[in-house]
Structure formats: structure tokens, C-alpha cells
């Protein structure tokens, strides 16, 4: 295969290969380097070998985007069933369907789950633009403030069951527990299990007060300071790290709070991970309606990606 691909690089001159979507750049670099090595070997046999540097292939990667990605979902309202009947509504004409189509902006974090963040963190491809960071922080603060207004039933139950002395002993780790309170051991273990969620919640609330204050835009970007892209990237990383710490360091209370934040972003975005119309993905009529809607909004031309080559060819053929 290397020999066959060597015919793609017949010229003995520098070349530049650009790609924004390639998933295995190291492998491709190694592949191209083997092609250049073969060329060097052929040139040496012909006595026309150039400088060794002319056969080197270097990989240069840039992880920073200079234009933020903004995610949207395309909702084809004409594909819904009629509200007054269980039978599907008559299909709309292409122009009518385009007029009924809606593009909804979604927050990048809306596609994540709390357990995914807890176990794997944030995927590297989930990047936030400044407005996404602000929306994420606002949601974190709202969830935290709402939690502070809720009563702590687990601590109240522990106090009622055994008295304030047991409650106080749990609150102070430095306080020695009298021997009389350790009998029977199973009862103390049960009380501790009941109290644990409450203590986790109190610890998360206390930590959140400090961290959310530090993450406030007023603190991150004091008045008069010019905000750069790198400043926002630092803020983004701190917000993500804080959410990961909620799930990994504050038990069920932090994980529940993280889930509420993500759910709030889903609700605002109208995101559904598995819609009833998911089987219509790639439908030629829907694709044409999307193109028509984009054209009406002056958003063409566009690039369309699909991992299914046959689907790409089918959509292109049907559209033309």
C-alpha cells in the first residue's frame, strides 16, 4: 500500500496537508513519512538525493479554535402527528416544511450525563464559547442557591432518633463518643448511614459557597480588564473542574447537584437524547427542508458530514 500511495506524492518538493476533522493524525504522519522514506531511497539509487530535511514530515497540531462552534438541533415540526388524531398528519410540501422548521441552540453540556462526567470527566471535544460558560455558571449558582433553601431531613432524622448528643458527636469529628453510646454497634452504624447524606450535602454547600464566589464573572473578569479568549478558556476549565469535583468529592449530594445542572441545560435547550423521530434522521425530505430553511435565512453554503457514505450519496442525489 505504501508503494501505491507513493504515486500520490510524485513531486520532490515541500507539501502542506491540512485537515480539521482527521481523527488519527499520528498514524497519517507515520504513513506519509514512510512515503517520503521510499522517495529518499529511490532518489539515492538514482543519485539525486536531496538534503535529509527535505524528506522529513512534521506534524503540527492546533487545539485552539479561532471560531467557536455553536450547536443547534433541527426540529421538523411538520413530521409530528396531528394533536387531534392518532393518525400521522399529511406530509407538508417542501416549502411549507421549511417554513415550519426550527433551529434550536443547544448547550454543549446538555448532551452529557452526570455519571459520564463523574467517571470520565468532560470529553475533550466539548468546548464552550463565552455565552455557554456564563449559562453554565448561572445554572450552577441557581442549583446551589436552591439547595440551600431545602431542609436537611437526613440530619433531622438522626437527631430525632437518638437525641441531640449523638447529632453533635457526628458533627464534631474531634469529639470523643462515650462508650455508652456505642451499644449496640448496629444502631450507631444505622444512625451514621442516615446522617452521611446530610453531612455530604453540608460539605458540598460549604465548598460551593467559596468556589462559586471565586468562579463569579465579577471575580474572574474584574472591571476595566479586557477579556481575551485565553481568559475565557481558563474560566471554562475551572467551571468544568468544579463540576467534576461535585460528583467525585461530595458523594450523592454533589452528583445529584451535577445532574440538576445538566438537566437544567437540557430543559433550556429542549434537548432530548432519544426522540421519537430519531429514525427519520437522514430522511431526504427532512434534509431538503433543512436546506430550504437555511437558504431562507441566508445561511448557505454549508458543509454536511455523515459517517455513512451511502447516505451522503443518497441525500445528495435526492436533493439534486
Protein backbone atom coordinates (compact mmCIF):
# COMPACT_ATOMS: atom_id res chain seq x y z
CA UNK A 1 0.00 0.00 0.00
CA UNK A 2 2.86 2.36 0.79
CA UNK A 3 4.26 1.90 -2.70
CA UNK A 4 0.87 2.60 -4.29
CA UNK A 5 0.38 5.74 -2.24
CA UNK A 6 3.86 6.95 -3.13
CA UNK A 7 2.44 7.82 -6.54
CA UNK A 8 0.29 10.46 -4.84
CA UNK A 9 3.47 12.38 -3.95
CA UNK A 10 5.44 12.31 -7.24
CA UNK A 11 6.91 15.77 -6.81
CA UNK A 12 10.13 16.31 -4.90
CA UNK A 13 9.01 19.50 -3.20
CA UNK A 14 7.63 20.59 0.18
CA UNK A 15 3.93 19.90 0.74
CA UNK A 16 1.33 21.06 3.23
CA UNK A 17 -1.60 18.81 4.20
CA UNK A 18 -4.42 20.46 6.14
CA UNK A 19 -7.33 18.79 7.91
CA UNK A 20 -9.75 19.88 10.61
CA UNK A 21 -11.53 16.56 11.09
CA UNK A 22 -8.92 13.83 10.93
CA UNK A 23 -9.02 11.53 13.96
CA UNK A 24 -5.65 9.76 13.65
CA UNK A 25 -3.04 12.43 12.75
CA UNK A 26 -0.10 10.46 14.19
CA UNK A 27 -0.91 7.44 12.03
CA UNK A 28 -1.28 9.56 8.90
CA UNK A 29 2.00 11.33 9.66
CA UNK A 30 3.77 7.98 10.00
CA UNK A 31 2.20 6.90 6.73
CA UNK A 32 3.37 10.00 4.87
CA UNK A 33 6.82 9.67 6.42
CA UNK A 34 7.09 6.14 5.02
CA UNK A 35 6.22 7.53 1.58
CA UNK A 36 8.95 10.14 1.84
CA UNK A 37 11.40 7.50 3.07
CA UNK A 38 10.64 5.46 -0.04
CA UNK A 39 11.23 8.54 -2.19
CA UNK A 40 14.54 9.14 -0.45
CA UNK A 41 15.57 5.57 -1.13
CA UNK A 42 14.62 5.89 -4.81
CA UNK A 43 16.45 9.22 -5.14
CA UNK A 44 19.57 7.70 -3.57
CA UNK A 45 19.54 4.92 -6.15
CA UNK A 46 19.27 7.49 -8.94
CA UNK A 47 21.99 9.66 -7.42
CA UNK A 48 19.67 12.63 -6.97
CA UNK A 49 19.12 12.54 -3.23
CA UNK A 50 18.44 15.92 -1.68
CA UNK A 51 19.03 17.16 1.88
CA UNK A 52 17.71 14.78 4.53
CA UNK A 53 15.45 17.55 5.88
CA UNK A 54 13.56 17.58 2.58
CA UNK A 55 12.26 14.08 3.36
CA UNK A 56 11.01 14.85 6.85
CA UNK A 57 7.30 15.04 7.65
CA UNK A 58 6.36 17.11 10.68
CA UNK A 59 3.01 17.08 12.46
CA UNK A 60 1.79 20.43 13.79
CA UNK A 61 -1.42 20.38 15.81
CA UNK A 62 -3.52 23.32 16.99
CA UNK A 63 -6.14 22.53 19.62
CA UNK A 64 -7.48 26.09 19.86
CA UNK A 65 -10.35 27.10 17.60
CA UNK A 66 -10.38 30.64 16.32
CA UNK A 67 -14.11 30.44 15.60
CA UNK A 68 -16.30 28.91 18.31
CA UNK A 69 -18.71 26.15 17.40
CA UNK A 70 -22.36 26.78 18.16
CA UNK A 71 -24.57 23.69 18.32
CA UNK A 72 -28.15 23.52 17.12
CA UNK A 73 -30.78 20.88 16.57
CA UNK A 74 -33.07 20.94 13.57
CA UNK A 75 -36.71 20.34 14.50
CA UNK A 76 -39.01 19.44 11.66
CA UNK A 77 -42.40 20.29 13.15
CA UNK A 78 -44.23 19.00 10.09
CA UNK A 79 -43.11 15.47 10.97
CA UNK A 80 -45.19 15.47 14.17
CA UNK A 81 -48.54 13.73 14.38
CA UNK A 82 -51.77 15.65 14.44
CA UNK A 83 -52.79 16.52 18.01
CA UNK A 84 -56.47 15.74 17.30
CA UNK A 85 -55.86 12.30 15.83
CA UNK A 86 -53.64 9.29 16.31
CA UNK A 87 -53.05 9.16 12.55
CA UNK A 88 -49.99 10.95 11.14
CA UNK A 89 -50.61 14.40 9.76
CA UNK A 90 -50.44 14.75 5.95
CA UNK A 91 -46.90 15.45 4.80
CA UNK A 92 -46.20 19.12 4.18
CA UNK A 93 -44.89 20.38 0.89
CA UNK A 94 -41.12 21.11 0.92
CA UNK A 95 -41.56 24.88 1.13
CA UNK A 96 -44.19 24.52 3.85
CA UNK A 97 -41.97 22.16 5.82
CA UNK A 98 -39.09 24.60 5.59
CA UNK A 99 -41.28 27.37 6.95
CA UNK A 100 -42.24 25.19 9.93
CA UNK A 101 -38.67 24.05 10.65
CA UNK A 102 -36.87 25.45 13.65
CA UNK A 103 -33.20 25.57 14.63
CA UNK A 104 -32.74 25.40 18.40
CA UNK A 105 -29.44 26.30 20.01
CA UNK A 106 -28.30 23.66 22.48
CA UNK A 107 -25.74 23.97 25.23
CA UNK A 108 -22.79 21.58 24.63
CA UNK A 109 -23.16 20.17 28.16
CA UNK A 110 -26.80 19.28 27.51
CA UNK A 111 -25.73 16.08 25.76
CA UNK A 112 -23.81 14.81 28.82
CA UNK A 113 -24.96 12.79 31.82
CA UNK A 114 -23.90 13.15 35.45
CA UNK A 115 -22.43 9.64 35.59
CA UNK A 116 -20.47 10.28 32.40
CA UNK A 117 -18.88 13.38 33.92
CA UNK A 118 -18.29 11.56 37.21
CA UNK A 119 -16.41 8.64 35.65
CA UNK A 120 -14.82 10.18 32.54
CA UNK A 121 -14.85 13.93 33.04
CA UNK A 122 -15.69 16.24 30.15
CA UNK A 123 -14.90 14.96 26.65
CA UNK A 124 -12.15 16.99 25.01
CA UNK A 125 -14.40 17.84 22.07
CA UNK A 126 -16.96 19.55 24.34
CA UNK A 127 -15.77 23.15 24.18
CA UNK A 128 -17.72 26.16 25.37
CA UNK A 129 -17.99 29.62 23.93
CA UNK A 130 -18.24 32.59 26.34
CA UNK A 131 -22.05 32.61 26.44
CA UNK A 132 -22.01 28.84 27.19
CA UNK A 133 -19.67 29.43 30.13
CA UNK A 134 -21.94 32.15 31.51
CA UNK A 135 -25.02 29.94 31.11
CA UNK A 136 -23.24 27.04 32.84
CA UNK A 137 -22.15 29.20 35.77
CA UNK A 138 -25.66 30.64 36.15
CA UNK A 139 -27.13 27.14 36.25
CA UNK A 140 -24.56 26.01 38.85
CA UNK A 141 -25.33 29.00 41.04
CA UNK A 142 -29.09 28.51 40.75
CA UNK A 143 -28.86 24.84 41.73
CA UNK A 144 -26.62 25.67 44.66
CA UNK A 145 -28.84 28.51 45.90
CA UNK A 146 -31.95 26.34 45.59
CA UNK A 147 -30.29 23.54 47.59
CA UNK A 148 -29.52 25.95 50.42
CA UNK A 149 -33.24 26.62 50.84
CA UNK A 150 -34.12 22.95 51.30
CA UNK A 151 -34.33 21.38 54.80
CA UNK A 152 -31.81 18.67 55.68
CA UNK A 153 -34.13 15.76 56.51
CA UNK A 154 -31.35 13.21 56.97
CA UNK A 155 -29.71 15.18 59.80
CA UNK A 156 -33.10 15.92 61.38
CA UNK A 157 -33.99 12.22 61.33
CA UNK A 158 -30.71 11.30 63.00
CA UNK A 159 -31.21 13.91 65.72
CA UNK A 160 -34.79 12.83 66.42
CA UNK A 161 -33.89 9.15 66.57
CA UNK A 162 -31.09 9.36 69.12
CA UNK A 163 -31.09 12.83 70.60
CA UNK A 164 -29.02 15.94 70.16
CA UNK A 165 -25.94 14.40 71.84
CA UNK A 166 -25.50 11.87 69.02
CA UNK A 167 -26.13 14.57 66.46
CA UNK A 168 -23.43 16.77 67.96
CA UNK A 169 -20.95 13.92 68.12
CA UNK A 170 -21.36 13.29 64.42
CA UNK A 171 -20.90 16.97 63.61
CA UNK A 172 -17.64 17.23 65.50
CA UNK A 173 -15.06 14.70 64.40
CA UNK A 174 -12.78 15.79 67.26
CA UNK A 175 -15.36 14.96 69.96
CA UNK A 176 -14.96 11.57 71.64
CA UNK A 177 -18.04 9.35 71.62
CA UNK A 178 -18.95 7.90 75.07
CA UNK A 179 -18.84 4.12 75.36
CA UNK A 180 -22.47 4.04 76.39
CA UNK A 181 -23.43 5.45 73.02
CA UNK A 182 -21.61 2.68 71.15
CA UNK A 183 -24.01 -0.06 72.26
CA UNK A 184 -25.39 -1.68 70.26
CA UNK A 185 -22.90 -1.07 67.37
CA UNK A 186 -25.51 -1.77 64.70
CA UNK A 187 -27.65 1.12 65.93
CA UNK A 188 -24.75 3.57 65.73
CA UNK A 189 -23.91 2.30 62.23
CA UNK A 190 -27.51 2.81 61.14
CA UNK A 191 -27.54 6.35 62.51
CA UNK A 192 -24.25 7.12 60.78
CA UNK A 193 -25.62 5.81 57.48
CA UNK A 194 -28.67 8.03 57.87
CA UNK A 195 -26.55 11.04 58.68
CA UNK A 196 -23.96 10.59 55.91
CA UNK A 197 -26.05 12.12 53.07
CA UNK A 198 -26.74 15.15 55.24
CA UNK A 199 -23.08 15.69 56.03
CA UNK A 200 -22.15 15.26 52.35
CA UNK A 201 -24.74 17.85 51.45
CA UNK A 202 -23.50 20.30 54.10
CA UNK A 203 -19.90 19.82 52.92
CA UNK A 204 -20.92 20.41 49.29
CA UNK A 205 -22.89 23.54 50.21
CA UNK A 206 -19.97 24.97 52.20
CA UNK A 207 -17.45 24.22 49.46
CA UNK A 208 -19.81 25.59 46.84
CA UNK A 209 -20.16 28.92 48.63
CA UNK A 210 -16.43 29.52 48.30
CA UNK A 211 -15.84 28.05 44.84
CA UNK A 212 -18.82 29.71 43.17
CA UNK A 213 -17.75 33.03 44.62
CA UNK A 214 -14.29 32.53 43.12
CA UNK A 215 -15.83 31.47 39.78
CA UNK A 216 -18.10 34.51 39.59
CA UNK A 217 -17.58 36.59 36.41
CA UNK A 218 -17.06 39.64 38.62
CA UNK A 219 -14.06 37.92 40.22
CA UNK A 220 -12.75 36.25 37.08
CA UNK A 221 -13.03 39.39 34.95
CA UNK A 222 -12.73 42.50 37.14
CA UNK A 223 -13.97 45.77 35.74
CA UNK A 224 -11.78 47.52 33.23
CA UNK A 225 -9.92 44.38 32.20
CA UNK A 226 -10.02 43.39 28.55
CA UNK A 227 -11.28 39.81 28.31
CA UNK A 228 -9.25 37.62 25.97
CA UNK A 229 -10.08 34.23 24.54
CA UNK A 230 -7.42 32.63 26.74
CA UNK A 231 -9.10 34.19 29.82
CA UNK A 232 -12.38 32.52 28.90
CA UNK A 233 -10.61 29.19 28.30
CA UNK A 234 -9.18 29.35 31.83
CA UNK A 235 -12.66 30.09 33.22
CA UNK A 236 -14.12 27.22 31.19
CA UNK A 237 -11.55 24.77 32.58
CA UNK A 238 -12.27 25.93 36.14
CA UNK A 239 -16.03 25.52 35.71
CA UNK A 240 -15.58 22.01 34.35
CA UNK A 241 -13.17 21.08 37.16
CA UNK A 242 -15.66 22.34 39.75
CA UNK A 243 -18.46 20.21 38.33
CA UNK A 244 -16.22 17.14 38.26
CA UNK A 245 -15.34 17.78 41.92
CA UNK A 246 -19.04 17.94 42.80
CA UNK A 247 -19.51 14.39 41.55
CA UNK A 248 -16.21 12.92 42.70
CA UNK A 249 -15.71 14.55 46.11
CA UNK A 250 -19.17 15.21 47.53
CA UNK A 251 -20.94 11.88 47.22
CA UNK A 252 -24.58 11.58 46.26
CA UNK A 253 -25.28 15.23 47.10
CA UNK A 254 -22.73 16.52 44.60
CA UNK A 255 -23.75 14.00 41.94
CA UNK A 256 -27.39 14.99 42.33
CA UNK A 257 -26.49 18.67 42.02
CA UNK A 258 -24.48 17.97 38.87
CA UNK A 259 -27.43 16.06 37.42
CA UNK A 260 -29.70 19.03 38.16
CA UNK A 261 -27.31 21.42 36.40
CA UNK A 262 -27.17 19.25 33.28
CA UNK A 263 -30.92 18.71 33.33
CA UNK A 264 -31.49 22.44 33.56
CA UNK A 265 -29.31 22.96 30.49
CA UNK A 266 -31.25 20.23 28.69
CA UNK A 267 -34.56 21.89 29.54
CA UNK A 268 -33.39 25.29 28.30
CA UNK A 269 -32.04 23.75 25.09
CA UNK A 270 -35.03 21.49 24.50
CA UNK A 271 -32.54 18.64 24.09
CA UNK A 272 -33.80 15.05 24.03
CA UNK A 273 -31.24 12.27 23.89
CA UNK A 274 -33.64 9.84 22.20
CA UNK A 275 -36.54 11.40 20.32
CA UNK A 276 -39.42 9.51 18.83
CA UNK A 277 -38.42 10.76 15.40
CA UNK A 278 -34.78 9.65 15.62
CA UNK A 279 -35.49 7.03 12.94
CA UNK A 280 -36.13 9.88 10.49
CA UNK A 281 -32.52 11.03 10.69
CA UNK A 282 -31.18 11.35 7.18
CA UNK A 283 -34.64 11.40 5.56
CA UNK A 284 -34.35 13.07 2.16
CA UNK A 285 -37.46 15.20 2.67
CA UNK A 286 -36.23 16.47 6.04
CA UNK A 287 -32.80 17.17 4.58
CA UNK A 288 -34.30 19.22 1.76
CA UNK A 289 -36.45 21.14 4.25
CA UNK A 290 -33.34 21.91 6.29
CA UNK A 291 -31.53 23.18 3.19
CA UNK A 292 -34.52 25.30 2.24
CA UNK A 293 -34.75 26.74 5.75
CA UNK A 294 -31.03 27.58 5.75
CA UNK A 295 -31.39 29.23 2.36
CA UNK A 296 -34.29 31.35 3.57
CA UNK A 297 -32.14 32.54 6.48
CA UNK A 298 -29.17 33.32 4.24
CA UNK A 299 -27.03 30.63 5.88
CA UNK A 300 -25.83 28.81 2.76
CA UNK A 301 -23.43 27.44 1.63
CA UNK A 302 -22.83 24.74 4.22
CA UNK A 303 -20.85 21.55 4.75
CA UNK A 304 -22.65 18.31 5.58
CA UNK A 305 -20.89 15.43 7.33
CA UNK A 306 -22.01 11.83 7.72
CA UNK A 307 -20.13 8.67 8.63
CA UNK A 308 -22.29 6.75 6.17
CA UNK A 309 -21.01 7.31 2.64
CA UNK A 310 -24.08 5.75 1.04
CA UNK A 311 -26.34 8.09 2.99
CA UNK A 312 -24.28 11.08 1.78
CA UNK A 313 -24.62 9.95 -1.84
CA UNK A 314 -28.33 9.26 -1.40
CA UNK A 315 -29.07 12.66 0.17
CA UNK A 316 -27.05 14.47 -2.49
CA UNK A 317 -28.74 12.56 -5.31
CA UNK A 318 -32.26 13.10 -3.99
CA UNK A 319 -31.62 16.79 -3.35
CA UNK A 320 -30.25 17.42 -6.84
